[in-house]
Protein backbone atom coordinates (compact mmCIF):
# COMPACT_ATOMS: atom_id res chain seq x y z
CA UNK A 1 0.00 0.00 0.00
CA UNK A 2 1.39 3.38 -1.03
CA UNK A 3 0.75 6.25 1.33
CA UNK A 4 0.11 9.58 -0.34
CA UNK A 5 0.38 13.10 0.98
CA UNK A 6 -1.03 16.45 -0.08
CA UNK A 7 1.64 19.12 -0.58
CA UNK A 8 1.12 22.82 -1.28
CA UNK A 9 3.94 24.41 -3.30
CA UNK A 10 4.20 28.18 -3.77
CA UNK A 11 7.62 28.94 -5.21
CA UNK A 12 10.20 27.36 -7.48
CA UNK A 13 8.47 23.94 -7.34
CA UNK A 14 5.42 25.19 -9.28
CA UNK A 15 4.91 24.29 -12.93
CA UNK A 16 7.07 26.45 -15.18
CA UNK A 17 9.59 27.28 -12.43
CA UNK A 18 13.23 26.14 -12.07
CA UNK A 19 12.73 23.36 -9.49
CA UNK A 20 9.52 21.93 -10.91
CA UNK A 21 11.37 18.81 -12.08
CA UNK A 22 11.49 17.75 -8.41
CA UNK A 23 7.70 17.25 -8.62
CA UNK A 24 8.11 14.47 -11.21
CA UNK A 25 6.14 11.45 -10.03
CA UNK A 26 3.58 13.59 -8.20
CA UNK A 27 0.05 14.39 -9.34
CA UNK A 28 -0.97 18.01 -9.84
CA UNK A 29 -4.45 18.47 -8.36
CA UNK A 30 -5.31 22.18 -8.68
CA UNK A 31 -4.20 25.76 -8.34
CA UNK A 32 -4.75 26.70 -4.73
CA UNK A 33 -4.12 29.38 -2.14
CA UNK A 34 -3.72 29.39 1.59
CA UNK A 35 -6.86 29.90 3.65
CA UNK A 36 -4.98 32.14 6.08
CA UNK A 37 -2.73 35.03 5.18
CA UNK A 38 1.03 34.59 5.63
CA UNK A 39 4.00 36.85 4.91
CA UNK A 40 6.25 35.71 2.07
CA UNK A 41 9.73 37.09 1.48
CA UNK A 42 12.37 36.55 -1.17
CA UNK A 43 15.79 36.15 0.38
CA UNK A 44 18.68 34.00 1.37
CA UNK A 45 21.67 32.94 -0.70
CA UNK A 46 19.51 31.71 -3.60
CA UNK A 47 16.88 34.49 -3.41
CA UNK A 48 14.18 31.88 -2.84
CA UNK A 49 10.62 32.57 -1.74
CA UNK A 50 10.02 31.73 1.90
CA UNK A 51 6.63 31.49 3.57
CA UNK A 52 6.92 32.85 7.12
CA UNK A 53 4.90 30.92 9.76
CA UNK A 54 3.06 34.00 11.03
CA UNK A 55 -0.61 33.33 10.23
CA UNK A 56 -2.91 36.31 9.92
CA UNK A 57 -0.22 38.64 8.60
CA UNK A 58 0.54 39.20 4.92
CA UNK A 59 -1.58 37.75 2.11
CA UNK A 60 -3.24 34.52 1.07
CA UNK A 61 -0.50 32.79 -0.87
CA UNK A 62 -1.14 31.39 -4.36
CA UNK A 63 0.38 28.07 -5.34
CA UNK A 64 -0.42 24.53 -6.42
CA UNK A 65 -1.76 21.48 -4.63
CA UNK A 66 -0.04 18.16 -5.38
CA UNK A 67 -0.43 14.57 -4.29
CA UNK A 68 2.90 12.82 -3.66
CA UNK A 69 4.10 9.51 -2.27
CA UNK A 70 6.52 8.93 0.63
CA UNK A 71 9.59 8.87 -1.63
CA UNK A 72 8.75 12.19 -3.31
CA UNK A 73 7.93 13.79 0.05
CA UNK A 74 11.36 12.69 1.32
CA UNK A 75 13.01 14.23 -1.79
CA UNK A 76 11.17 17.50 -1.18
CA UNK A 77 12.25 17.49 2.47
CA UNK A 78 15.82 17.02 1.30
CA UNK A 79 15.54 19.87 -1.23
CA UNK A 80 14.03 22.17 1.39
CA UNK A 81 16.79 21.15 3.86
CA UNK A 82 14.34 20.29 6.63
CA UNK A 83 17.16 18.31 8.27
CA UNK A 84 19.26 21.47 8.79
CA UNK A 85 18.74 24.11 11.49
CA UNK A 86 18.73 26.78 8.75
CA UNK A 87 16.24 24.96 6.50
CA UNK A 88 12.50 25.01 6.06
CA UNK A 89 9.99 23.31 8.34
CA UNK A 90 7.28 21.13 6.80
CA UNK A 91 4.01 21.98 8.55
CA UNK A 92 0.32 21.50 7.78
CA UNK A 93 -1.70 24.42 6.43
CA UNK A 94 -5.20 24.72 5.07
CA UNK A 95 -5.41 25.52 1.37
CA UNK A 96 -8.36 26.14 -0.93
CA UNK A 97 -8.57 24.63 -4.42
CA UNK A 98 -9.39 27.25 -7.04
CA UNK A 99 -11.51 24.86 -9.12
CA UNK A 100 -14.14 23.91 -6.57
CA UNK A 101 -13.20 25.89 -3.42
CA UNK A 102 -12.60 22.68 -1.48
CA UNK A 103 -10.46 23.27 1.60
CA UNK A 104 -7.89 20.63 2.54
CA UNK A 105 -4.92 20.40 4.85
CA UNK A 106 -1.63 20.00 3.00
CA UNK A 107 2.02 19.89 3.92
CA UNK A 108 3.59 23.31 3.33
CA UNK A 109 7.20 24.43 3.65
CA UNK A 110 7.65 27.35 6.03
CA UNK A 111 10.85 29.13 6.97
CA UNK A 112 11.01 31.09 10.21
CA UNK A 113 12.03 34.71 9.75
CA UNK A 114 15.25 34.27 11.74
CA UNK A 115 16.50 31.63 9.26
CA UNK A 116 16.43 33.95 6.25
CA UNK A 117 19.84 35.48 5.75
C-alpha atoms as a PDB file:
ATOM      1  CA  UNK A   1       0.000   0.000   0.000  1.00  0.00           C
ATOM      2  CA  UNK A   2       1.393   3.384  -1.033  1.00  0.00           C
ATOM      3  CA  UNK A   3       0.747   6.245   1.335  1.00  0.00           C
ATOM      4  CA  UNK A   4       0.106   9.583  -0.343  1.00  0.00           C
ATOM      5  CA  UNK A   5       0.379  13.102   0.980  1.00  0.00           C
ATOM      6  CA  UNK A   6      -1.025  16.447  -0.082  1.00  0.00           C
ATOM      7  CA  UNK A   7       1.637  19.123  -0.581  1.00  0.00           C
ATOM      8  CA  UNK A   8       1.124  22.821  -1.277  1.00  0.00           C
ATOM      9  CA  UNK A   9       3.937  24.412  -3.301  1.00  0.00           C
ATOM     10  CA  UNK A  10       4.196  28.177  -3.771  1.00  0.00           C
ATOM     11  CA  UNK A  11       7.621  28.941  -5.207  1.00  0.00           C
ATOM     12  CA  UNK A  12      10.196  27.361  -7.480  1.00  0.00           C
ATOM     13  CA  UNK A  13       8.467  23.942  -7.343  1.00  0.00           C
ATOM     14  CA  UNK A  14       5.422  25.187  -9.283  1.00  0.00           C
ATOM     15  CA  UNK A  15       4.909  24.293 -12.933  1.00  0.00           C
ATOM     16  CA  UNK A  16       7.069  26.453 -15.175  1.00  0.00           C
ATOM     17  CA  UNK A  17       9.591  27.282 -12.431  1.00  0.00           C
ATOM     18  CA  UNK A  18      13.229  26.139 -12.066  1.00  0.00           C
ATOM     19  CA  UNK A  19      12.733  23.356  -9.486  1.00  0.00           C
ATOM     20  CA  UNK A  20       9.524  21.931 -10.912  1.00  0.00           C
ATOM     21  CA  UNK A  21      11.372  18.807 -12.085  1.00  0.00           C
ATOM     22  CA  UNK A  22      11.491  17.746  -8.413  1.00  0.00           C
ATOM     23  CA  UNK A  23       7.697  17.253  -8.623  1.00  0.00           C
ATOM     24  CA  UNK A  24       8.112  14.465 -11.215  1.00  0.00           C
ATOM     25  CA  UNK A  25       6.140  11.454 -10.026  1.00  0.00           C
ATOM     26  CA  UNK A  26       3.580  13.589  -8.205  1.00  0.00           C
ATOM     27  CA  UNK A  27       0.054  14.389  -9.337  1.00  0.00           C
ATOM     28  CA  UNK A  28      -0.971  18.012  -9.844  1.00  0.00           C
ATOM     29  CA  UNK A  29      -4.449  18.471  -8.364  1.00  0.00           C
ATOM     30  CA  UNK A  30      -5.308  22.176  -8.677  1.00  0.00           C
ATOM     31  CA  UNK A  31      -4.203  25.756  -8.342  1.00  0.00           C
ATOM     32  CA  UNK A  32      -4.750  26.703  -4.732  1.00  0.00           C
ATOM     33  CA  UNK A  33      -4.119  29.378  -2.138  1.00  0.00           C
ATOM     34  CA  UNK A  34      -3.718  29.393   1.594  1.00  0.00           C
ATOM     35  CA  UNK A  35      -6.862  29.901   3.653  1.00  0.00           C
ATOM     36  CA  UNK A  36      -4.975  32.141   6.080  1.00  0.00           C
ATOM     37  CA  UNK A  37      -2.726  35.034   5.176  1.00  0.00           C
ATOM     38  CA  UNK A  38       1.027  34.594   5.634  1.00  0.00           C
ATOM     39  CA  UNK A  39       3.998  36.847   4.907  1.00  0.00           C
ATOM     40  CA  UNK A  40       6.249  35.713   2.067  1.00  0.00           C
ATOM     41  CA  UNK A  41       9.726  37.091   1.481  1.00  0.00           C
ATOM     42  CA  UNK A  42      12.371  36.554  -1.166  1.00  0.00           C
ATOM     43  CA  UNK A  43      15.786  36.149   0.381  1.00  0.00           C
ATOM     44  CA  UNK A  44      18.683  33.997   1.367  1.00  0.00           C
ATOM     45  CA  UNK A  45      21.666  32.941  -0.697  1.00  0.00           C
ATOM     46  CA  UNK A  46      19.509  31.713  -3.596  1.00  0.00           C
ATOM     47  CA  UNK A  47      16.877  34.486  -3.407  1.00  0.00           C
ATOM     48  CA  UNK A  48      14.176  31.882  -2.837  1.00  0.00           C
ATOM     49  CA  UNK A  49      10.621  32.573  -1.741  1.00  0.00           C
ATOM     50  CA  UNK A  50      10.017  31.732   1.905  1.00  0.00           C
ATOM     51  CA  UNK A  51       6.634  31.490   3.570  1.00  0.00           C
ATOM     52  CA  UNK A  52       6.923  32.845   7.119  1.00  0.00           C
ATOM     53  CA  UNK A  53       4.897  30.922   9.760  1.00  0.00           C
ATOM     54  CA  UNK A  54       3.064  34.005  11.026  1.00  0.00           C
ATOM     55  CA  UNK A  55      -0.610  33.326  10.230  1.00  0.00           C
ATOM     56  CA  UNK A  56      -2.910  36.311   9.916  1.00  0.00           C
ATOM     57  CA  UNK A  57      -0.216  38.640   8.598  1.00  0.00           C
ATOM     58  CA  UNK A  58       0.538  39.201   4.921  1.00  0.00           C
ATOM     59  CA  UNK A  59      -1.584  37.751   2.110  1.00  0.00           C
ATOM     60  CA  UNK A  60      -3.239  34.524   1.070  1.00  0.00           C
ATOM     61  CA  UNK A  61      -0.496  32.787  -0.874  1.00  0.00           C
ATOM     62  CA  UNK A  62      -1.137  31.390  -4.359  1.00  0.00           C
ATOM     63  CA  UNK A  63       0.381  28.069  -5.341  1.00  0.00           C
ATOM     64  CA  UNK A  64      -0.423  24.527  -6.418  1.00  0.00           C
ATOM     65  CA  UNK A  65      -1.763  21.477  -4.628  1.00  0.00           C
ATOM     66  CA  UNK A  66      -0.039  18.165  -5.379  1.00  0.00           C
ATOM     67  CA  UNK A  67      -0.433  14.567  -4.293  1.00  0.00           C
ATOM     68  CA  UNK A  68       2.901  12.821  -3.662  1.00  0.00           C
ATOM     69  CA  UNK A  69       4.104   9.507  -2.271  1.00  0.00           C
ATOM     70  CA  UNK A  70       6.517   8.929   0.629  1.00  0.00           C
ATOM     71  CA  UNK A  71       9.587   8.872  -1.632  1.00  0.00           C
ATOM     72  CA  UNK A  72       8.752  12.192  -3.306  1.00  0.00           C
ATOM     73  CA  UNK A  73       7.930  13.791   0.045  1.00  0.00           C
ATOM     74  CA  UNK A  74      11.355  12.689   1.317  1.00  0.00           C
ATOM     75  CA  UNK A  75      13.013  14.231  -1.794  1.00  0.00           C
ATOM     76  CA  UNK A  76      11.169  17.498  -1.182  1.00  0.00           C
ATOM     77  CA  UNK A  77      12.250  17.486   2.474  1.00  0.00           C
ATOM     78  CA  UNK A  78      15.824  17.019   1.304  1.00  0.00           C
ATOM     79  CA  UNK A  79      15.537  19.866  -1.233  1.00  0.00           C
ATOM     80  CA  UNK A  80      14.029  22.165   1.395  1.00  0.00           C
ATOM     81  CA  UNK A  81      16.785  21.149   3.857  1.00  0.00           C
ATOM     82  CA  UNK A  82      14.338  20.287   6.631  1.00  0.00           C
ATOM     83  CA  UNK A  83      17.159  18.312   8.270  1.00  0.00           C
ATOM     84  CA  UNK A  84      19.261  21.465   8.791  1.00  0.00           C
ATOM     85  CA  UNK A  85      18.742  24.105  11.486  1.00  0.00           C
ATOM     86  CA  UNK A  86      18.734  26.777   8.747  1.00  0.00           C
ATOM     87  CA  UNK A  87      16.241  24.958   6.505  1.00  0.00           C
ATOM     88  CA  UNK A  88      12.502  25.006   6.056  1.00  0.00           C
ATOM     89  CA  UNK A  89       9.990  23.313   8.337  1.00  0.00           C
ATOM     90  CA  UNK A  90       7.276  21.134   6.800  1.00  0.00           C
ATOM     91  CA  UNK A  91       4.012  21.976   8.553  1.00  0.00           C
ATOM     92  CA  UNK A  92       0.319  21.500   7.784  1.00  0.00           C
ATOM     93  CA  UNK A  93      -1.699  24.417   6.434  1.00  0.00           C
ATOM     94  CA  UNK A  94      -5.204  24.722   5.071  1.00  0.00           C
ATOM     95  CA  UNK A  95      -5.409  25.521   1.368  1.00  0.00           C
ATOM     96  CA  UNK A  96      -8.356  26.144  -0.928  1.00  0.00           C
ATOM     97  CA  UNK A  97      -8.572  24.629  -4.424  1.00  0.00           C
ATOM     98  CA  UNK A  98      -9.393  27.250  -7.044  1.00  0.00           C
ATOM     99  CA  UNK A  99     -11.507  24.858  -9.121  1.00  0.00           C
ATOM    100  CA  UNK A 100     -14.143  23.910  -6.569  1.00  0.00           C
ATOM    101  CA  UNK A 101     -13.198  25.895  -3.418  1.00  0.00           C
ATOM    102  CA  UNK A 102     -12.599  22.675  -1.484  1.00  0.00           C
ATOM    103  CA  UNK A 103     -10.463  23.266   1.595  1.00  0.00           C
ATOM    104  CA  UNK A 104      -7.888  20.630   2.539  1.00  0.00           C
ATOM    105  CA  UNK A 105      -4.921  20.402   4.852  1.00  0.00           C
ATOM    106  CA  UNK A 106      -1.633  20.004   3.001  1.00  0.00           C
ATOM    107  CA  UNK A 107       2.020  19.892   3.915  1.00  0.00           C
ATOM    108  CA  UNK A 108       3.586  23.311   3.332  1.00  0.00           C
ATOM    109  CA  UNK A 109       7.201  24.428   3.651  1.00  0.00           C
ATOM    110  CA  UNK A 110       7.654  27.355   6.030  1.00  0.00           C
ATOM    111  CA  UNK A 111      10.853  29.127   6.970  1.00  0.00           C
ATOM    112  CA  UNK A 112      11.013  31.092  10.213  1.00  0.00           C
ATOM    113  CA  UNK A 113      12.027  34.708   9.748  1.00  0.00           C
ATOM    114  CA  UNK A 114      15.248  34.274  11.741  1.00  0.00           C
ATOM    115  CA  UNK A 115      16.503  31.632   9.256  1.00  0.00           C
ATOM    116  CA  UNK A 116      16.433  33.953   6.250  1.00  0.00           C
ATOM    117  CA  UNK A 117      19.843  35.484   5.749  1.00  0.00           C
END
